[in-house]
Amino acid sequence: MTIFETMRPHFESLTPRQREIARLLVSGMTNLQVAGQLCISVHTIKAHRAEIMSRMQVNSFAELVNQFNRLQTTLPARTTPLHVIVVEDDEWYRDYLTDNLSERGYSSIGVVDGEGLRSAWAQKPADVVILDIELGQGKENGLALAARILSNCPCGVIMVTAKGAQDERLEGLSIGVDAYFSKPVNIDELSITLTNLGRRLR
């Protein structure tokens, strides 16, 4: 059995957030530095670190660094495009995002709210979900949807908002959101973020 075949099941058991934390720690950042970058507590980082080591079945941080780096070099390239579901109640902006993502080679579909997300997911689960925070009066907001997605699915989640409120940003990051964009979204920056997520999710 190859190194890749041995380690991949352990790697795939990590959540996207745990993979991001592992990547940052393995790069040489301290618990405090990672906590500051991700806007979460050092205690949370330490808890994730212990869980990462348990899932990767290593006994020391040095062993984690060695296995993680070896795994990153043996992972095969993704052969299918990332499937992205955009949840946005503004029709023009929903089409703007999905059209631009499709032009850049992503498989993308747009829906208006949480109900649309459930229907689209039943047809084809997403690799990444892009969520607008405000989804219309009486609708479940993007943060609530993000929390449900992250508690049940090993996918990436990106938040988008017109307000850019710091408290909303911190709340999103605290529940495990991978990235946060304020409108108007820079499509090139979004594409780079999706590419990086794709490497972690493969």
C-alpha atoms as a PDB file:
ATOM      1  CA  MET A   1       0.000   0.000   0.000  1.00  0.00           C
ATOM      2  CA  THR A   2       1.372   3.448  -0.937  1.00  0.00           C
ATOM      3  CA  ILE A   3       1.872   6.361   1.458  1.00  0.00           C
ATOM      4  CA  PHE A   4      -1.025   8.111  -0.240  1.00  0.00           C
ATOM      5  CA  GLU A   5      -3.367   5.143   0.202  1.00  0.00           C
ATOM      6  CA  THR A   6      -2.365   4.811   3.868  1.00  0.00           C
ATOM      7  CA  MET A   7      -2.722   8.458   4.876  1.00  0.00           C
ATOM      8  CA  ARG A   8      -5.530   9.753   2.690  1.00  0.00           C
ATOM      9  CA  PRO A   9      -8.410   8.305   4.797  1.00  0.00           C
ATOM     10  CA  HIS A  10      -7.002  10.111   7.843  1.00  0.00           C
ATOM     11  CA  PHE A  11      -6.603  13.354   5.894  1.00  0.00           C
ATOM     12  CA  GLU A  12     -10.123  13.155   4.457  1.00  0.00           C
ATOM     13  CA  SER A  13     -11.549  12.733   7.966  1.00  0.00           C
ATOM     14  CA  LEU A  14     -10.416  16.292   8.760  1.00  0.00           C
ATOM     15  CA  THR A  15     -12.924  19.103   8.314  1.00  0.00           C
ATOM     16  CA  PRO A  16     -12.002  21.969   5.943  1.00  0.00           C
ATOM     17  CA  ARG A  17     -11.320  24.158   8.995  1.00  0.00           C
ATOM     18  CA  GLN A  18      -9.038  21.510  10.525  1.00  0.00           C
ATOM     19  CA  ARG A  19      -7.138  21.218   7.238  1.00  0.00           C
ATOM     20  CA  GLU A  20      -6.643  24.988   7.207  1.00  0.00           C
ATOM     21  CA  ILE A  21      -5.430  24.991  10.823  1.00  0.00           C
ATOM     22  CA  ALA A  22      -3.095  22.074  10.101  1.00  0.00           C
ATOM     23  CA  ARG A  23      -1.697  23.852   7.040  1.00  0.00           C
ATOM     24  CA  LEU A  24      -0.998  27.015   9.050  1.00  0.00           C
ATOM     25  CA  LEU A  25       0.560  25.141  11.974  1.00  0.00           C
ATOM     26  CA  VAL A  26       2.694  23.002   9.683  1.00  0.00           C
ATOM     27  CA  SER A  27       3.901  26.177   7.925  1.00  0.00           C
ATOM     28  CA  GLY A  28       5.515  27.226  11.223  1.00  0.00           C
ATOM     29  CA  MET A  29       2.885  29.514  12.738  1.00  0.00           C
ATOM     30  CA  THR A  30       2.286  29.376  16.499  1.00  0.00           C
ATOM     31  CA  ASN A  31      -1.082  28.643  18.108  1.00  0.00           C
ATOM     32  CA  LEU A  32      -1.396  32.358  18.920  1.00  0.00           C
ATOM     33  CA  GLN A  33      -0.613  33.417  15.349  1.00  0.00           C
ATOM     34  CA  VAL A  34      -3.122  30.958  13.877  1.00  0.00           C
ATOM     35  CA  ALA A  35      -5.771  32.075  16.367  1.00  0.00           C
ATOM     36  CA  GLY A  36      -5.184  35.695  15.382  1.00  0.00           C
ATOM     37  CA  GLN A  37      -5.379  34.980  11.658  1.00  0.00           C
ATOM     38  CA  LEU A  38      -8.581  32.948  11.948  1.00  0.00           C
ATOM     39  CA  CYS A  39     -10.171  35.167  14.623  1.00  0.00           C
ATOM     40  CA  ILE A  40     -10.730  32.297  17.063  1.00  0.00           C
ATOM     41  CA  SER A  41      -9.334  31.562  20.522  1.00  0.00           C
ATOM     42  CA  VAL A  42      -6.029  29.863  21.291  1.00  0.00           C
ATOM     43  CA  HIS A  43      -8.033  27.315  23.295  1.00  0.00           C
ATOM     44  CA  THR A  44     -10.006  26.442  20.137  1.00  0.00           C
ATOM     45  CA  ILE A  45      -6.777  26.095  18.133  1.00  0.00           C
ATOM     46  CA  LYS A  46      -5.335  23.752  20.764  1.00  0.00           C
ATOM     47  CA  ALA A  47      -8.515  21.656  20.725  1.00  0.00           C
ATOM     48  CA  HIS A  48      -8.412  21.436  16.911  1.00  0.00           C
ATOM     49  CA  ARG A  49      -4.698  20.584  17.030  1.00  0.00           C
ATOM     50  CA  ALA A  50      -5.328  17.664  19.388  1.00  0.00           C
ATOM     51  CA  GLU A  51      -8.201  16.430  17.208  1.00  0.00           C
ATOM     52  CA  ILE A  52      -6.080  16.756  14.049  1.00  0.00           C
ATOM     53  CA  MET A  53      -3.281  14.687  15.586  1.00  0.00           C
ATOM     54  CA  SER A  54      -5.788  12.080  16.735  1.00  0.00           C
ATOM     55  CA  ARG A  55      -7.424  11.790  13.304  1.00  0.00           C
ATOM     56  CA  MET A  56      -4.056  11.698  11.530  1.00  0.00           C
ATOM     57  CA  GLN A  57      -2.948   9.030  14.050  1.00  0.00           C
ATOM     58  CA  VAL A  58       0.321  10.718  15.023  1.00  0.00           C
ATOM     59  CA  ASN A  59       1.906  11.009  18.466  1.00  0.00           C
ATOM     60  CA  SER A  60       3.976  14.162  18.008  1.00  0.00           C
ATOM     61  CA  PHE A  61       3.739  17.451  16.163  1.00  0.00           C
ATOM     62  CA  ALA A  62       6.958  16.638  14.279  1.00  0.00           C
ATOM     63  CA  GLU A  63       5.315  13.472  12.978  1.00  0.00           C
ATOM     64  CA  LEU A  64       2.253  15.484  11.936  1.00  0.00           C
ATOM     65  CA  VAL A  65       4.455  17.923   9.995  1.00  0.00           C
ATOM     66  CA  ASN A  66       6.205  15.035   8.244  1.00  0.00           C
ATOM     67  CA  GLN A  67       3.013  13.188   7.303  1.00  0.00           C
ATOM     68  CA  PHE A  68       1.133  16.318   6.264  1.00  0.00           C
ATOM     69  CA  ASN A  69       3.940  17.488   3.979  1.00  0.00           C
ATOM     70  CA  ARG A  70       4.343  14.033   2.429  1.00  0.00           C
ATOM     71  CA  LEU A  71       0.601  13.766   1.882  1.00  0.00           C
ATOM     72  CA  GLN A  72       0.418  17.174   0.221  1.00  0.00           C
ATOM     73  CA  THR A  73       3.029  16.065  -2.326  1.00  0.00           C
ATOM     74  CA  THR A  74       1.275  12.759  -3.072  1.00  0.00           C
ATOM     75  CA  LEU A  75      -2.303  14.012  -3.450  1.00  0.00           C
ATOM     76  CA  PRO A  76      -3.419  13.690  -7.085  1.00  0.00           C
ATOM     77  CA  ALA A  77      -4.660  16.714  -8.975  1.00  0.00           C
ATOM     78  CA  ARG A  78      -8.414  17.257  -9.059  1.00  0.00           C
ATOM     79  CA  THR A  79      -9.752  15.909 -12.346  1.00  0.00           C
ATOM     80  CA  THR A  80     -13.218  17.472 -12.121  1.00  0.00           C
ATOM     81  CA  PRO A  81     -14.019  21.154 -11.541  1.00  0.00           C
ATOM     82  CA  LEU A  82     -15.151  22.342  -8.136  1.00  0.00           C
ATOM     83  CA  HIS A  83     -18.923  22.368  -7.858  1.00  0.00           C
ATOM     84  CA  VAL A  84     -20.043  25.669  -6.314  1.00  0.00           C
ATOM     85  CA  ILE A  85     -23.553  26.560  -5.151  1.00  0.00           C
ATOM     86  CA  VAL A  86     -24.170  30.306  -4.829  1.00  0.00           C
ATOM     87  CA  VAL A  87     -26.959  31.266  -2.402  1.00  0.00           C
ATOM     88  CA  GLU A  88     -27.921  34.862  -3.212  1.00  0.00           C
ATOM     89  CA  ASP A  89     -31.391  36.459  -3.184  1.00  0.00           C
ATOM     90  CA  ASP A  90     -30.431  39.246  -5.613  1.00  0.00           C
ATOM     91  CA  GLU A  91     -30.969  37.752  -9.073  1.00  0.00           C
ATOM     92  CA  TRP A  92     -28.541  40.074 -10.856  1.00  0.00           C
ATOM     93  CA  TYR A  93     -25.721  39.445  -8.393  1.00  0.00           C
ATOM     94  CA  ARG A  94     -26.441  35.702  -8.295  1.00  0.00           C
ATOM     95  CA  ASP A  95     -26.104  35.529 -12.079  1.00  0.00           C
ATOM     96  CA  TYR A  96     -23.001  37.746 -11.964  1.00  0.00           C
ATOM     97  CA  LEU A  97     -21.236  35.343  -9.600  1.00  0.00           C
ATOM     98  CA  THR A  98     -22.288  32.107 -11.309  1.00  0.00           C
ATOM     99  CA  ASP A  99     -21.506  33.419 -14.809  1.00  0.00           C
ATOM    100  CA  ASN A 100     -18.033  34.588 -13.790  1.00  0.00           C
ATOM    101  CA  LEU A 101     -17.290  31.338 -11.976  1.00  0.00           C
ATOM    102  CA  SER A 102     -18.428  29.294 -14.972  1.00  0.00           C
ATOM    103  CA  GLU A 103     -16.147  31.352 -17.238  1.00  0.00           C
ATOM    104  CA  ARG A 104     -13.242  30.421 -14.960  1.00  0.00           C
ATOM    105  CA  GLY A 105     -13.954  26.705 -15.240  1.00  0.00           C
ATOM    106  CA  TYR A 106     -15.994  26.047 -12.111  1.00  0.00           C
ATOM    107  CA  SER A 107     -19.254  24.110 -12.083  1.00  0.00           C
ATOM    108  CA  SER A 108     -21.642  26.646 -10.558  1.00  0.00           C
ATOM    109  CA  ILE A 109     -25.336  26.977  -9.890  1.00  0.00           C
ATOM    110  CA  GLY A 110     -27.267  29.782  -8.197  1.00  0.00           C
ATOM    111  CA  VAL A 111     -30.198  29.491  -5.788  1.00  0.00           C
ATOM    112  CA  VAL A 112     -32.209  32.101  -3.936  1.00  0.00           C
ATOM    113  CA  ASP A 113     -32.390  30.734  -0.370  1.00  0.00           C
ATOM    114  CA  GLY A 114     -31.923  27.795   1.984  1.00  0.00           C
ATOM    115  CA  GLU A 115     -34.756  25.832   0.414  1.00  0.00           C
ATOM    116  CA  GLY A 116     -33.150  26.216  -2.992  1.00  0.00           C
ATOM    117  CA  LEU A 117     -29.841  25.103  -1.515  1.00  0.00           C
ATOM    118  CA  ARG A 118     -31.410  21.919  -0.161  1.00  0.00           C
ATOM    119  CA  SER A 119     -32.936  21.113  -3.551  1.00  0.00           C
ATOM    120  CA  ALA A 120     -29.705  21.817  -5.446  1.00  0.00           C
ATOM    121  CA  TRP A 121     -27.703  19.823  -2.910  1.00  0.00           C
ATOM    122  CA  ALA A 122     -29.995  16.815  -3.320  1.00  0.00           C
ATOM    123  CA  GLN A 123     -29.229  16.843  -7.050  1.00  0.00           C
ATOM    124  CA  LYS A 124     -25.464  17.378  -6.617  1.00  0.00           C
ATOM    125  CA  PRO A 125     -23.660  18.127  -3.332  1.00  0.00           C
ATOM    126  CA  ALA A 126     -21.402  21.177  -3.419  1.00  0.00           C
ATOM    127  CA  ASP A 127     -17.663  21.280  -2.884  1.00  0.00           C
ATOM    128  CA  VAL A 128     -18.046  24.923  -1.855  1.00  0.00           C
ATOM    129  CA  VAL A 129     -21.091  27.001  -0.919  1.00  0.00           C
ATOM    130  CA  ILE A 130     -21.022  30.786  -1.354  1.00  0.00           C
ATOM    131  CA  LEU A 131     -23.601  32.390   0.944  1.00  0.00           C
ATOM    132  CA  ASP A 132     -24.977  35.908   1.091  1.00  0.00           C
ATOM    133  CA  ILE A 133     -25.601  36.834   4.728  1.00  0.00           C
ATOM    134  CA  GLU A 134     -28.913  38.596   4.072  1.00  0.00           C
ATOM    135  CA  LEU A 135     -31.340  36.372   2.143  1.00  0.00           C
ATOM    136  CA  GLY A 136     -34.509  38.411   2.378  1.00  0.00           C
ATOM    137  CA  GLN A 137     -37.081  39.107   5.059  1.00  0.00           C
ATOM    138  CA  GLY A 138     -38.435  35.985   6.722  1.00  0.00           C
ATOM    139  CA  LYS A 139     -35.698  33.786   5.241  1.00  0.00           C
ATOM    140  CA  GLU A 140     -33.013  31.876   7.146  1.00  0.00           C
ATOM    141  CA  ASN A 141     -29.896  34.058   6.976  1.00  0.00           C
ATOM    142  CA  GLY A 142     -26.558  33.007   5.579  1.00  0.00           C
ATOM    143  CA  LEU A 143     -24.841  32.646   8.949  1.00  0.00           C
ATOM    144  CA  ALA A 144     -27.496  30.207  10.175  1.00  0.00           C
ATOM    145  CA  LEU A 145     -27.208  28.250   6.927  1.00  0.00           C
ATOM    146  CA  ALA A 146     -23.413  28.223   7.223  1.00  0.00           C
ATOM    147  CA  ALA A 147     -23.581  26.820  10.752  1.00  0.00           C
ATOM    148  CA  ARG A 148     -25.871  23.987   9.612  1.00  0.00           C
ATOM    149  CA  ILE A 149     -23.730  23.192   6.578  1.00  0.00           C
ATOM    150  CA  LEU A 150     -20.482  23.127   8.540  1.00  0.00           C
ATOM    151  CA  SER A 151     -21.936  20.875  11.225  1.00  0.00           C
ATOM    152  CA  ASN A 152     -23.052  18.291   8.664  1.00  0.00           C
ATOM    153  CA  CYS A 153     -20.907  18.511   5.530  1.00  0.00           C
ATOM    154  CA  PRO A 154     -17.159  18.484   4.767  1.00  0.00           C
ATOM    155  CA  CYS A 155     -17.381  21.311   2.238  1.00  0.00           C
ATOM    156  CA  GLY A 156     -15.978  24.815   1.987  1.00  0.00           C
ATOM    157  CA  VAL A 157     -18.102  27.830   2.920  1.00  0.00           C
ATOM    158  CA  ILE A 158     -17.547  31.411   1.754  1.00  0.00           C
ATOM    159  CA  MET A 159     -19.641  34.316   3.054  1.00  0.00           C
ATOM    160  CA  VAL A 160     -20.573  37.418   1.043  1.00  0.00           C
ATOM    161  CA  THR A 161     -22.194  40.580   2.402  1.00  0.00           C
ATOM    162  CA  ALA A 162     -22.996  44.113   1.335  1.00  0.00           C
ATOM    163  CA  LYS A 163     -22.482  45.465   4.853  1.00  0.00           C
ATOM    164  CA  GLY A 164     -19.063  44.193   5.861  1.00  0.00           C
ATOM    165  CA  ALA A 165     -19.946  44.428   9.566  1.00  0.00           C
ATOM    166  CA  GLN A 166     -17.098  43.288  11.805  1.00  0.00           C
ATOM    167  CA  ASP A 167     -19.375  41.396  14.213  1.00  0.00           C
ATOM    168  CA  GLU A 168     -20.869  39.382  11.339  1.00  0.00           C
ATOM    169  CA  ARG A 169     -17.390  38.625  10.024  1.00  0.00           C
ATOM    170  CA  LEU A 170     -16.212  37.421  13.432  1.00  0.00           C
ATOM    171  CA  GLU A 171     -19.342  35.310  13.887  1.00  0.00           C
ATOM    172  CA  GLY A 172     -18.820  33.692  10.500  1.00  0.00           C
ATOM    173  CA  LEU A 173     -15.159  32.927  11.157  1.00  0.00           C
ATOM    174  CA  SER A 174     -15.966  31.583  14.618  1.00  0.00           C
ATOM    175  CA  ILE A 175     -18.318  28.934  13.204  1.00  0.00           C
ATOM    176  CA  GLY A 176     -15.729  27.766  10.674  1.00  0.00           C
ATOM    177  CA  VAL A 177     -16.394  29.819   7.530  1.00  0.00           C
ATOM    178  CA  ASP A 178     -13.384  29.598   5.212  1.00  0.00           C
ATOM    179  CA  ALA A 179     -13.433  33.108   3.751  1.00  0.00           C
ATOM    180  CA  TYR A 180     -15.393  36.341   3.899  1.00  0.00           C
ATOM    181  CA  PHE A 181     -15.984  38.834   1.068  1.00  0.00           C
ATOM    182  CA  SER A 182     -17.664  42.227   1.005  1.00  0.00           C
ATOM    183  CA  LYS A 183     -19.573  43.308  -2.101  1.00  0.00           C
ATOM    184  CA  PRO A 184     -18.568  44.055  -4.750  1.00  0.00           C
ATOM    185  CA  VAL A 185     -16.669  40.765  -4.788  1.00  0.00           C
ATOM    186  CA  ASN A 186     -13.321  40.744  -6.568  1.00  0.00           C
ATOM    187  CA  ILE A 187     -13.783  37.741  -8.858  1.00  0.00           C
ATOM    188  CA  ASP A 188     -10.049  37.136  -9.258  1.00  0.00           C
ATOM    189  CA  GLU A 189      -9.611  37.029  -5.480  1.00  0.00           C
ATOM    190  CA  LEU A 190     -12.636  34.746  -5.166  1.00  0.00           C
ATOM    191  CA  SER A 191     -11.205  32.430  -7.826  1.00  0.00           C
ATOM    192  CA  ILE A 192      -7.874  32.201  -5.973  1.00  0.00           C
ATOM    193  CA  THR A 193      -9.723  31.413  -2.746  1.00  0.00           C
ATOM    194  CA  LEU A 194     -11.681  28.651  -4.494  1.00  0.00           C
ATOM    195  CA  THR A 195      -8.475  27.227  -5.961  1.00  0.00           C
ATOM    196  CA  ASN A 196      -6.911  27.079  -2.496  1.00  0.00           C
ATOM    197  CA  LEU A 197     -10.047  25.476  -1.067  1.00  0.00           C
ATOM    198  CA  GLY A 198      -9.986  22.938  -3.884  1.00  0.00           C
ATOM    199  CA  ARG A 199      -6.487  21.846  -2.899  1.00  0.00           C
ATOM    200  CA  ARG A 200      -7.647  21.224   0.653  1.00  0.00           C
ATOM    201  CA  LEU A 201     -10.886  19.511  -0.335  1.00  0.00           C
ATOM    202  CA  ARG A 202      -9.508  17.078  -2.918  1.00  0.00           C
END
